Amino acid sequence: MFLIEKSFLSPRLSLLRPPPHPHIWSTSTSSNCILKEPSRRNFPVKWAHSTSTMAAANEENIGSLKEQIAKVFEISLKVTIPEEPEVVPLIAACAKKEFGDYQCNNAMSLWAKIKGKGTEFKGPQPVGQAIMRNLPASDMIESCSIAGPGFVNVKLSKQWIAKSIQKMLKDGIDTWAPKLPVKRAIVDFSSPNIAKEMHVGHLRSTIIGDTLARMLEYSKVDVLRRNHVGDWGTQFGMLIEFLFEKFPSGEVNDQAIGELEVFYKASKQRFDSDPEFKERAQKAVVSLQGGEEKFRKAWAQICEISRKGYEKVYQRLGVHLEEKGESFYNPYIPGTLDLLREKGLIEESEGAQVIFIEGKKIPLIVVKRDGGFNYASTDLAALWYRLNEEKAEWIIYVTDVGQREHFEMFFTAAKRAGWLPNDENKYPKTSHVGFGLVLGDDGKRFRTRSTEVVKLVDLLDEAKTRCKAALVERGKAAEWTAEELEHTAEAVGYGAVKYADLKNNRLTNYTFNFDQMLNDKGNTAVYLLYAHARICSIIRKSGKDIEELKKAGQLILEKDEERKLGLHLLQFAEVVEEACTNLLPNVLCEYLYDLSEKFTSFYSECQVVGSAEETSRLLLCEATAVVMRKCFHLLGITPVYKI
């Protein structure tokens, strides 16, 4: 039996239609769920269509929990204030959980719109009471109450929660995928430079970009994963000329050339110290850009050797990318710049061609003084191609925060050209996903003792080695096969490295520390993977066929800890939606850790194996494991099934 599950691509997703259930209404006006400052999870829920009857709403109850609640309130809002038909339900999680699960916060803003216009209402609370009265019958809701100036608190039916979870177990976790208002997105991430090894600095872009792509793919978005490698530019002149010196025939392979990083440094040293070599290297650039066969062939060989090295790292990380480097967009640059000239955006300045950006002290240079192109001209050509040829609606760039100003200027230029709308909420749109530095224990950039940048492959080797040593120390070498030990060390080691990065807000720096990330206590991948393995162990020890229980068993949430866990499971879709919308993987990490904690509380209070409620609680265990596995998949982490 294998301990882990290999990463897989999300299959096509189907729709969730929760079954109907009875409900009870409460019209208490106690001051429940006092409205707090809106958190990042309190946002309006928008809809592409409205429902005229609750039967239709039940039939189409799909998407996140917030979306399903919003559908109910949308009907009430249209009845309550018919003169305001475009009102979007404002649904938020209750700040005080003892008073409800969710609340509708439309009353105050509606009152501000209608007061003084001959309305029958005397204030926001009567508006809230009317919204509550006009709610259609819904098996989702157990009770409602009014808080303060018209906030409508909702407590969900535990029977509905249970049946919704049970339906997911039968139909699959993909039925819980959120629906995003975009069909095709491009995620531009990783993007190493040719002839340089991937180092720890590439870790964040690769891991964050992969997770964003996975979450969007899960949300039914067609994602183009783009590796915008640095495979063009003046540095190739020195690399090609140095290659011709070492291999006059021009024929070379990765065994002959050795480590590309060493080759690059040697060519750079020669370039800096030998004027004749420098002149030849500069001429080589002209020959390469002119398309001379000999130089093109040498360039292609260098790129291919680099590519093989990158692919080994991507394979270990379970990351899939399609390469479209700088060279791919090079032929599109002249035409793109002509389009910008036609719009009067490009001006001459000190011998260069630039686009002036309001509020910026320096312009965006698109053609250098020597007539050469640069990052800005390549990025503009790539954006034109992605919008017009690839028909992308959302283009996401994952780089360090140090490039923020470049992207701000580049995006502004595209808006001035009319390629992008000025309204940030309209599509097509672009987003820069910036991230902070990886630091060492000394608070400085993470480097080796010899002040060299840490190679990514060495970092992954170290994580696996440490993990394997810990497993051997726990006696697993005697219990498991060599293959099981190897696979588990990889799953936990690589997962620990990924999670230590993703759990932080991407904008902040974080300290890379093996001891902390490989700790089996606290908010670490090791703790979460072991928690998942423990759930799987509980199910195995019961001796029951979980697939048969899914078909014949019934999930009942009687105890408070059972209901809390069930509600948290149902909130999975809205968390993924929030993480996608705000491009913040740490939101999903928080949810996963909270899920593990809620399961621990449930398991401490509720006996599973051997109890009268064994079948129901085994189903709750399985649902938790299923959601955890989907979280792991979205984070690019391979789950462990036994420890």
Foldseek 3Di string as FASTA:
>chain_A
DFFFDDFDADDDFDAAQFDAAAAAEDAAAEAFLPDDDDDLLFAFDDDPDADQDVVVLNRRQAEAPQNSVQNQLLNLVCVLCVVCNRDTWGKDARPDPVRAGIKTDCQQVVCVVCPPVPDPDDFSQVSLSSSSVSGDGGRQFHYWYAHDRRIIGTHTDLQSLQRSLLVCVVRHPLNHAHADPFAEEEQEFLAEEFLAFAFPQSVLRQLLSLLLQRLVVSNNHHYAYERAHNLADLLLLLLQLLCCVVPVVLDDACVRCDRSNVSSVVSVVCCVPPVVSVVSSNVLNVCVVVPPPSSVSSSVRSRVRRVVNVVVLCVLLVGDHDYDYLVNLVVQLVVLVVLLVVLVQWDDDPQFIFGADPPDPDTHTQADNVRDGDPLSSVSSVLVCCCPVVVGWEYEYEHACVCVVVVVRSQRSCVSSVNAPPDCPGTSHYYYHHAYAAAEPVRHGDPDPVRHGGRPVVQLVVLLVVQLVVCVVVVVPVVDPPVSSNVVSSQLSSQLVLQQQQLDFRHDYYYDDSVVSNDCDDLHSNVLLQLLQVLLVVLVVLVDDLVVLSVPNGAGQDDPLSSVLSVLLSNLNSQSVSCNVVSRSSSLSVSSVVNSVSVVVCCVVDPARPDPCNSNVNSSSVSSSSSNCSSCSSSSGMHTNHD
